[in-house]
Protein backbone atom coordinates (compact mmCIF):
# COMPACT_ATOMS: atom_id res chain seq x y z
CA MET A 1 -100.76 -125.19 -74.11
CA ARG A 2 -102.12 -127.63 -71.51
CA SER A 3 -102.18 -131.38 -72.04
CA ARG A 4 -104.93 -132.60 -74.34
CA SER A 5 -105.99 -135.04 -71.61
CA THR A 6 -106.83 -132.18 -69.23
CA THR A 7 -108.11 -129.68 -71.82
CA PRO A 8 -109.80 -131.75 -74.56
CA GLY A 9 -110.99 -129.70 -77.53
CA LEU A 10 -108.97 -126.61 -76.55
CA LYS A 11 -107.72 -124.47 -79.44
CA ARG A 12 -105.86 -121.17 -79.46
CA ARG A 13 -106.78 -118.45 -81.96
CA ARG A 14 -105.74 -114.82 -82.40
CA SER A 15 -108.91 -113.65 -80.68
CA GLY A 16 -108.52 -115.95 -77.68
CA ILE A 17 -108.94 -119.58 -76.63
CA TYR A 18 -111.86 -121.79 -77.59
CA TRP A 19 -113.26 -125.23 -76.97
CA CYS A 20 -114.18 -126.88 -80.30
CA ALA A 21 -116.43 -129.87 -80.88
CA THR A 22 -115.31 -132.61 -83.24
CA HIS A 23 -116.43 -132.54 -86.86
CA GLN A 24 -118.46 -135.72 -86.26
CA ALA A 25 -120.38 -134.12 -83.39
CA VAL A 26 -121.08 -130.91 -85.31
CA GLN A 27 -122.37 -132.86 -88.31
CA ALA A 28 -124.63 -134.83 -85.97
CA GLY A 29 -126.15 -131.60 -84.63
CA PHE A 30 -124.29 -131.00 -81.36
CA ARG A 31 -124.26 -127.43 -80.11
CA PRO A 32 -122.29 -125.39 -79.31
CA SER A 33 -119.83 -126.28 -82.03
CA VAL A 34 -117.41 -123.65 -80.68
CA ALA A 35 -117.35 -122.03 -77.24
CA ARG A 36 -115.13 -119.06 -76.41
CA LEU A 37 -113.44 -119.38 -73.01
CA PRO A 38 -113.03 -115.99 -71.28
CA TYR A 39 -109.71 -116.91 -69.69
CA SER A 40 -105.98 -116.58 -70.36
CA LEU A 41 -103.52 -119.45 -70.69
CA GLU A 42 -100.82 -117.16 -69.31
CA ASN A 43 -102.69 -116.70 -66.02
CA PRO A 44 -102.04 -119.67 -63.67
CA ASP A 45 -105.26 -118.93 -61.76
CA HIS A 46 -107.28 -119.44 -64.96
CA ARG A 47 -105.90 -122.88 -65.77
CA PRO A 48 -108.23 -124.88 -63.46
CA LEU A 49 -111.20 -122.98 -64.95
CA ILE A 50 -110.04 -123.72 -68.50
CA GLU A 51 -109.66 -127.41 -67.68
CA ALA A 52 -113.05 -127.60 -65.99
CA ASN A 53 -114.85 -125.94 -68.90
CA CYS A 54 -113.13 -128.08 -71.53
CA GLN A 55 -113.88 -131.28 -69.65
CA ARG A 56 -117.53 -130.30 -69.09
CA LEU A 57 -118.12 -129.46 -72.75
CA GLN A 58 -116.26 -132.55 -73.90
CA THR A 59 -118.40 -134.73 -71.61
CA GLU A 60 -121.61 -133.15 -72.95
CA MET A 61 -120.46 -133.80 -76.50
CA LEU A 62 -119.54 -137.43 -75.81
CA GLN A 63 -122.88 -138.01 -74.07
CA PHE A 64 -124.66 -136.50 -77.06
CA LEU A 65 -122.83 -138.84 -79.45
CA ALA A 66 -123.46 -141.83 -77.20
CA ASN A 67 -127.20 -141.13 -77.08
CA ARG A 68 -127.72 -140.78 -80.82
CA GLY A 69 -130.23 -143.35 -82.03
CA ARG A 70 -131.11 -144.32 -78.46
CA GLU A 71 -133.60 -143.12 -75.92
CA GLN A 72 -133.45 -139.36 -75.45
CA PRO A 73 -131.32 -138.18 -72.51
CA ARG A 74 -133.16 -137.15 -69.36
CA PHE A 75 -134.82 -133.74 -69.68
CA ASP A 76 -133.60 -131.44 -66.88
CA GLY A 77 -136.49 -128.97 -67.01
CA THR A 78 -134.45 -125.96 -68.16
CA LEU A 79 -134.75 -123.89 -71.30
CA LEU A 80 -131.28 -125.10 -72.30
CA GLY A 81 -132.40 -128.70 -71.89
CA LEU A 82 -135.45 -128.04 -74.07
CA SER A 83 -133.34 -126.36 -76.75
CA ARG A 84 -130.84 -129.24 -76.88
CA ARG A 85 -133.66 -131.81 -76.98
CA TYR A 86 -135.32 -129.87 -79.80
CA GLN A 87 -132.09 -130.00 -81.82
CA VAL A 88 -131.28 -133.70 -81.40
CA ASP A 89 -134.67 -135.43 -81.22
CA ALA A 90 -135.26 -137.34 -84.46
CA ALA A 91 -138.95 -136.45 -84.21
CA SER A 92 -138.29 -132.71 -83.81
CA PRO A 93 -139.34 -130.28 -86.59
CA PHE A 94 -135.77 -128.97 -86.42
CA ARG A 95 -134.45 -132.18 -87.96
CA ARG A 96 -136.73 -131.70 -90.98
CA LEU A 97 -135.60 -128.18 -91.82
CA LYS A 98 -133.46 -127.45 -94.84
CA HIS A 99 -129.82 -126.95 -93.95
CA ASN A 100 -129.90 -123.16 -94.41
CA SER A 101 -133.03 -122.81 -92.26
CA ARG A 102 -131.37 -124.99 -89.63
CA LEU A 103 -128.36 -122.65 -89.57
CA LYS A 104 -130.61 -119.63 -88.99
CA ASP A 105 -132.48 -121.52 -86.28
CA THR A 106 -129.22 -122.49 -84.60
CA TYR A 107 -128.13 -118.84 -84.46
CA VAL A 108 -131.31 -117.83 -82.57
CA LEU A 109 -131.12 -120.90 -80.34
CA LYS A 110 -127.59 -119.92 -79.32
CA LEU A 111 -128.87 -116.48 -78.29
CA ILE A 112 -131.62 -118.09 -76.20
CA GLU A 113 -129.29 -120.62 -74.60
CA ALA A 114 -126.69 -118.00 -73.67
CA ALA A 115 -129.17 -115.50 -72.24
CA PHE A 116 -131.87 -117.65 -70.63
CA GLY A 117 -130.71 -121.27 -70.85
CA LYS A 118 -130.34 -121.85 -67.09
CA ARG A 119 -133.90 -120.79 -66.32
CA ALA A 120 -136.24 -123.55 -65.18
CA LEU A 121 -139.40 -123.76 -67.27
CA SER A 122 -141.51 -124.06 -64.12
CA ALA A 123 -140.35 -120.61 -62.98
CA LEU A 124 -141.14 -118.74 -66.20
CA ARG A 125 -144.04 -116.28 -66.35
CA ILE A 126 -145.38 -113.83 -68.95
CA ALA A 127 -143.40 -110.99 -67.33
CA ASP A 128 -140.17 -112.85 -68.18
CA PHE A 129 -141.02 -112.97 -71.87
CA TYR A 130 -141.92 -109.29 -72.05
CA ARG A 131 -138.70 -108.41 -70.22
CA TRP A 132 -136.64 -110.59 -72.59
CA TYR A 133 -138.32 -109.03 -75.59
CA ASP A 134 -137.60 -105.49 -74.34
CA GLU A 135 -133.95 -106.34 -73.66
CA ALA A 136 -133.45 -108.02 -77.04
CA LYS A 137 -134.83 -105.08 -79.01
CA LYS A 138 -132.53 -102.49 -77.41
CA PRO A 139 -130.22 -100.76 -79.92
CA LYS A 140 -126.82 -102.29 -80.48
CA ARG A 141 -125.29 -98.86 -79.86
CA PRO A 142 -126.69 -95.83 -78.02
CA GLY A 143 -128.87 -93.83 -80.38
CA GLY A 144 -129.12 -96.66 -82.91
CA PRO A 145 -132.33 -98.26 -84.21
CA GLU A 146 -134.24 -100.71 -82.07
CA ARG A 147 -133.67 -104.34 -83.04
CA VAL A 148 -137.32 -105.36 -83.19
CA ARG A 149 -136.66 -108.09 -85.75
CA ARG A 150 -134.13 -109.72 -83.41
CA ALA A 151 -136.50 -109.58 -80.43
CA TRP A 152 -139.41 -110.90 -82.47
CA GLY A 153 -137.26 -113.76 -83.76
CA ILE A 154 -136.43 -114.84 -80.22
CA ILE A 155 -140.10 -114.87 -79.17
CA LYS A 156 -141.06 -116.75 -82.34
CA LYS A 157 -138.41 -119.38 -81.65
CA LEU A 158 -139.54 -119.72 -78.04
CA ARG A 159 -143.08 -120.42 -79.28
CA GLU A 160 -141.70 -123.12 -81.57
CA LEU A 161 -139.64 -124.63 -78.75
CA PHE A 162 -142.67 -124.87 -76.47
CA ALA A 163 -144.82 -126.24 -79.30
CA TYR A 164 -142.25 -128.99 -79.78
CA GLY A 165 -142.25 -129.57 -76.01
CA VAL A 166 -146.02 -130.08 -76.11
CA MET A 167 -145.63 -132.69 -78.86
CA ALA A 168 -142.81 -134.37 -76.93
CA GLU A 169 -144.98 -134.34 -73.76
CA LEU A 170 -142.39 -132.44 -71.74
CA PRO A 171 -143.53 -130.78 -68.48
CA GLU A 172 -144.47 -127.07 -68.39
CA CYS A 173 -144.37 -126.69 -72.18
CA GLU A 174 -148.14 -126.69 -72.70
CA ARG A 175 -148.55 -123.93 -70.10
CA LEU A 176 -145.81 -121.81 -71.63
CA TYR A 177 -147.00 -122.37 -75.18
CA THR A 178 -150.49 -121.22 -74.16
CA ILE A 179 -149.01 -118.06 -72.64
CA LEU A 180 -147.03 -117.14 -75.77
CA ARG A 181 -149.84 -118.13 -78.12
CA ASN A 182 -152.06 -115.53 -76.47
CA ALA A 183 -149.41 -112.87 -75.81
CA ARG A 184 -148.83 -110.08 -78.33
CA PHE A 185 -145.44 -108.58 -79.16
CA PRO A 186 -144.78 -105.80 -81.69
CA GLN A 187 -143.59 -107.28 -84.98
CA PRO A 188 -140.91 -105.79 -87.24
CA ALA A 189 -142.24 -103.54 -89.96
CA ARG A 190 -142.42 -105.07 -93.41
CA ARG A 191 -139.71 -104.01 -95.79
CA ARG A 192 -140.87 -101.23 -98.12
CA VAL A 193 -137.76 -100.65 -100.24
CA VAL A 194 -137.78 -101.73 -103.90
CA MET A 195 -135.11 -101.92 -106.53
CA GLN A 196 -136.17 -99.69 -109.40
CA LEU A 197 -135.26 -99.84 -113.07
CA ALA A 198 -133.06 -96.79 -112.57
CA HIS A 199 -131.06 -98.67 -109.96
CA VAL A 200 -130.56 -101.62 -112.31
CA GLU A 201 -129.58 -99.35 -115.21
CA ALA A 202 -126.97 -97.70 -112.97
CA PHE A 203 -125.68 -101.01 -111.60
CA LEU A 204 -125.16 -102.94 -114.83
CA PRO A 205 -122.61 -100.64 -116.56
CA GLN A 206 -120.76 -100.15 -113.27
CA ALA A 207 -120.49 -103.92 -112.77
CA LEU A 208 -119.19 -104.35 -116.31
CA ALA A 209 -116.65 -101.57 -115.80
CA MET A 210 -115.42 -103.34 -112.65
CA GLY A 211 -115.12 -106.69 -114.43
CA ARG A 212 -118.11 -108.26 -112.64
CA LEU A 213 -120.26 -109.53 -115.52
CA SER A 214 -121.56 -112.23 -113.17
CA LEU A 215 -123.08 -109.64 -110.82
CA ALA A 216 -124.59 -107.75 -113.73
CA LEU A 217 -126.15 -110.88 -115.21
CA GLY A 218 -127.43 -112.11 -111.86
CA THR A 219 -129.04 -108.76 -111.06
CA ALA A 220 -130.63 -108.47 -114.52
CA LEU A 221 -132.08 -111.97 -114.21
CA GLN A 222 -133.47 -111.27 -110.75
CA PHE A 223 -135.09 -107.99 -111.82
CA GLU A 224 -136.42 -109.12 -115.20
CA THR A 225 -137.80 -112.51 -114.05
CA ALA A 226 -138.60 -111.88 -110.36
CA LEU A 227 -136.66 -115.04 -109.47
CA ARG A 228 -135.26 -115.28 -105.96
CA GLN A 229 -131.53 -114.79 -105.55
CA LYS A 230 -131.02 -118.48 -104.65
CA ASP A 231 -132.88 -119.59 -107.76
CA VAL A 232 -130.46 -117.59 -109.88
CA ILE A 233 -127.07 -118.07 -108.19
CA GLY A 234 -127.74 -121.34 -106.35
CA GLU A 235 -126.70 -122.32 -102.84
CA TRP A 236 -124.31 -124.64 -100.99
CA GLU A 237 -125.64 -127.61 -99.05
CA PRO A 238 -123.92 -130.31 -96.96
CA ILE A 239 -123.06 -133.42 -98.93
CA PRO A 240 -125.32 -136.23 -97.64
CA THR A 241 -123.56 -139.08 -95.88
CA GLY A 242 -122.44 -141.68 -98.40
CA ALA A 243 -123.14 -139.47 -101.41
CA LYS A 244 -120.40 -139.00 -103.99
CA PRO A 245 -120.46 -135.72 -105.95
CA GLY A 246 -120.05 -136.10 -109.69
CA ALA A 247 -116.81 -135.28 -111.41
CA ASP A 248 -118.19 -131.96 -112.65
CA ALA A 249 -119.78 -130.98 -109.31
CA PHE A 250 -118.63 -127.89 -107.43
CA VAL A 251 -117.58 -128.79 -103.87
CA LEU A 252 -116.45 -126.35 -101.19
CA ASN A 253 -115.63 -127.17 -97.55
CA GLY A 254 -117.69 -130.34 -97.51
CA ARG A 255 -120.66 -128.77 -99.30
CA ARG A 256 -121.87 -128.95 -102.86
CA TRP A 257 -123.41 -126.29 -105.09
CA VAL A 258 -127.05 -126.92 -106.04
CA ARG A 259 -130.24 -125.42 -107.45
CA GLY A 260 -128.81 -122.42 -109.29
CA LEU A 261 -129.38 -121.64 -112.97
CA THR A 262 -127.10 -123.48 -115.36
CA TRP A 263 -126.51 -123.06 -119.07
CA ALA A 264 -128.48 -126.28 -119.53
CA ASP A 265 -131.53 -124.34 -118.24
CA LEU A 266 -131.29 -122.00 -121.25
CA PRO A 267 -132.57 -123.87 -124.31
CA ALA A 268 -132.31 -122.53 -127.84
CA ASP A 269 -135.64 -120.70 -127.53
CA LEU A 270 -134.37 -118.96 -124.35
CA VAL A 271 -137.45 -119.95 -122.33
CA ILE A 272 -136.25 -121.04 -118.91
CA ARG A 273 -138.36 -123.35 -116.77
CA LYS A 274 -137.19 -123.89 -113.23
CA ALA A 275 -138.49 -125.45 -110.02
CA THR A 276 -138.01 -122.79 -107.36
CA THR A 277 -136.04 -123.56 -104.20
CA LYS A 278 -138.58 -122.36 -101.64
CA THR A 279 -141.79 -124.06 -102.72
CA GLY A 280 -140.85 -126.29 -105.65
CA ALA A 281 -143.31 -124.40 -107.87
CA PHE A 282 -142.26 -124.02 -111.51
CA ALA A 283 -141.37 -120.62 -112.89
CA ALA A 284 -141.18 -120.04 -116.64
CA HIS A 285 -139.73 -116.95 -118.32
CA ASP A 286 -139.05 -116.00 -121.91
CA LEU A 287 -135.68 -114.28 -121.87
CA LYS A 288 -136.27 -112.97 -125.40
CA LEU A 289 -138.55 -110.43 -123.68
CA CYS A 290 -135.85 -109.45 -121.18
CA PRO A 291 -133.55 -107.01 -123.03
CA LEU A 292 -131.33 -106.35 -120.01
CA VAL A 293 -130.52 -110.07 -119.82
CA LEU A 294 -130.11 -110.56 -123.57
CA ASP A 295 -127.50 -107.82 -123.82
CA LEU A 296 -125.40 -109.48 -121.11
CA LEU A 297 -125.76 -113.00 -122.47
CA GLU A 298 -124.35 -111.84 -125.80
CA ARG A 299 -121.14 -110.86 -124.00
CA ILE A 300 -120.41 -114.47 -122.99
CA PRO A 301 -118.53 -116.53 -125.60
CA ALA A 302 -119.90 -119.93 -126.65
CA GLU A 303 -116.98 -121.89 -125.16
CA LYS A 304 -117.83 -120.57 -121.68
CA ARG A 305 -121.51 -121.49 -121.82
CA THR A 306 -121.29 -124.60 -119.65
CA GLY A 307 -122.03 -125.31 -116.01
CA PRO A 308 -123.47 -122.70 -113.62
CA LEU A 309 -124.71 -119.49 -115.22
CA ILE A 310 -123.35 -117.21 -112.48
CA ILE A 311 -119.65 -117.77 -111.74
CA ASP A 312 -117.55 -115.68 -109.37
CA GLU A 313 -114.82 -114.27 -111.62
CA ASN A 314 -112.30 -114.18 -108.77
CA ALA A 315 -112.85 -117.74 -107.51
CA GLY A 316 -113.74 -119.51 -110.76
CA ARG A 317 -116.76 -121.19 -109.13
CA PRO A 318 -120.26 -120.25 -107.95
CA TYR A 319 -120.29 -117.56 -105.28
CA ALA A 320 -119.60 -118.76 -101.75
CA GLU A 321 -122.19 -118.07 -99.06
CA SER A 322 -122.73 -114.30 -98.51
CA ALA A 323 -120.05 -113.42 -101.09
CA TYR A 324 -122.58 -112.51 -103.78
CA GLY A 325 -124.33 -109.94 -101.59
CA ARG A 326 -121.04 -108.58 -100.28
CA GLU A 327 -119.54 -108.09 -103.74
CA TRP A 328 -122.86 -106.73 -105.03
CA ARG A 329 -122.79 -103.98 -102.39
CA ILE A 330 -119.30 -102.88 -103.48
CA VAL A 331 -120.52 -102.35 -107.03
CA ALA A 332 -123.79 -100.77 -105.85
CA ARG A 333 -121.95 -98.17 -103.80
CA ALA A 334 -119.74 -97.34 -106.77
CA ALA A 335 -122.89 -96.93 -108.88
CA GLY A 336 -124.44 -94.52 -106.36
CA ILE A 337 -127.23 -96.88 -105.30
CA PRO A 338 -128.43 -96.07 -101.74
CA ASN A 339 -127.37 -98.51 -99.01
CA GLN A 340 -130.98 -99.24 -98.10
CA VAL A 341 -131.51 -100.86 -101.51
CA TRP A 342 -130.45 -104.51 -101.25
CA ASN A 343 -129.93 -107.12 -103.92
CA MET A 344 -132.87 -109.09 -102.52
CA ASP A 345 -135.12 -106.09 -103.36
CA ALA A 346 -134.90 -106.99 -107.05
CA ARG A 347 -137.80 -109.43 -106.69
CA ALA A 348 -140.01 -106.81 -105.02
CA GLY A 349 -138.96 -104.32 -107.69
CA ALA A 350 -140.01 -106.67 -110.48
CA ILE A 351 -143.42 -107.33 -108.92
CA THR A 352 -144.02 -103.64 -108.14
CA GLU A 353 -143.12 -102.60 -111.70
CA ALA A 354 -145.45 -105.28 -113.09
CA GLU A 355 -148.38 -103.97 -111.06
CA ASP A 356 -147.61 -100.38 -112.04
CA ALA A 357 -147.63 -101.52 -115.66
CA GLY A 358 -151.19 -102.79 -115.22
CA ALA A 359 -150.47 -106.53 -115.20
CA ASP A 360 -153.18 -108.76 -113.77
CA LEU A 361 -152.42 -109.79 -110.19
CA ASP A 362 -152.92 -113.48 -110.91
CA HIS A 363 -150.53 -113.23 -113.86
CA ILE A 364 -147.93 -111.58 -111.60
CA ARG A 365 -148.48 -114.31 -109.00
CA SER A 366 -147.84 -116.99 -111.61
CA ALA A 367 -144.73 -115.24 -112.93
CA ALA A 368 -143.33 -114.96 -109.39
CA ALA A 369 -144.19 -118.64 -108.70
CA HIS A 370 -146.28 -117.72 -105.65
CA SER A 371 -148.99 -120.13 -104.53
CA GLN A 372 -151.10 -117.35 -102.98
CA ALA A 373 -151.98 -113.91 -104.38
CA ALA A 374 -151.66 -112.51 -100.84
CA THR A 375 -147.94 -113.30 -100.94
CA THR A 376 -147.58 -111.44 -104.25
CA GLN A 377 -149.34 -108.42 -102.78
CA ARG A 378 -146.81 -108.29 -99.92
CA TYR A 379 -144.02 -107.98 -102.48
CA SER A 380 -145.77 -105.08 -104.22
CA ARG A 381 -144.30 -102.08 -102.43
CA GLY A 382 -145.87 -98.73 -103.23
CA ALA A 383 -147.25 -99.67 -106.65
CA VAL A 384 -149.91 -97.28 -107.96
CA GLY A 385 -151.17 -99.46 -110.80
CA LYS A 386 -154.45 -100.43 -109.17
CA SER A 387 -155.08 -97.04 -107.57
CA ARG A 388 -154.38 -95.35 -110.91
CA ARG A 389 -156.96 -97.53 -112.65
CA VAL A 390 -159.48 -96.84 -109.87
CA ALA A 391 -158.88 -93.09 -110.19
CA GLU A 392 -159.27 -93.25 -113.99
CA MET A 393 -162.59 -95.12 -113.62
CA ARG A 394 -163.84 -92.58 -111.10
CA LEU A 395 -162.94 -89.68 -113.40
CA ALA A 396 -164.73 -91.39 -116.28
CA TYR A 397 -167.74 -91.92 -114.04
CA ARG A 398 -167.82 -88.25 -113.04
CA GLN A 399 -167.57 -87.19 -116.68
CA ALA A 400 -170.46 -89.48 -117.59
CA GLN A 401 -172.56 -88.10 -114.72
CA ASN A 402 -171.89 -84.53 -115.83
CA GLU A 403 -173.05 -85.39 -119.33
CA VAL A 404 -176.38 -86.70 -118.11
């Protein structure tokens, strides 16, 4: 390994060598946090390249830290420069995103920076964007499905970058934002899959047989109440600077568990009232009318009814990020549930079943804690409730006309 003075931030891993930013810089928003170096320490010819890359990245990181809270660094007119400015500017919309949305944004920004970052904004034209879109949507493997969602996400993020550039009065951004505002790119098709009652009834006994009561209870709650997954199992967020988690808080890798259902949310009358994570709207549900949930709750002894409702049996704490969906899929496969049915489809399944049952759309909207009925309608996938009522009214009308 080379001297730290000539290769600052260099780390060796099984998969290769990497430059790694400091924890302080990553927490402050510096990107990239990790950069893979396509060289070999065993090759003497590669050593000057390794040193040069480490020193360049280290200098960028130190400049970023030095400029925090001061005047923004000089904008160099490239897409990379715009992306970095967007991420560090205190007035940027990026700095106001929730931590999980910021992580998703960062993933797309990394794709943009790696593929197009060196391009000068002044040289970009509409043909570039269409070419980028076409390249991004190509299948990952020959014969595979087109990745339209990926391509659309890149174009959407570019629009947001240029919109920020307009607000920050950066050159070329208004021209490019106008181009993308008027351009049209095929969007990904809306998801049409729903979780049906039959899927849930197959999943629950399989989960119990595999010792995963937590997955059974979480799924039943999602399907019976139409709550989002995060509103049921919670999520992990960075601990704010200076904050001290309580003695009973769950902490994992510098993050704390928040916003999931707890036993304190289940009063004696079993009517849960919860502010949802996405909009803050309140959702209220009477679990006495949710037999799938009641049966599972009865399996949990009184002495264990404290803290988070959904606890990973293997870890003894709330599920870590992505672990819930990963473990859910293992049980789902064992239960014979098709791979195209995801845990997140429980919410759409609940709303679709409600419409099929003849529930009023506004009542469904309220139960799902949606602010707009149009949002509720998007979650209703293939319901025939309304069309059935229309057909019944038409048949009644024909019968009445025949009797005249």
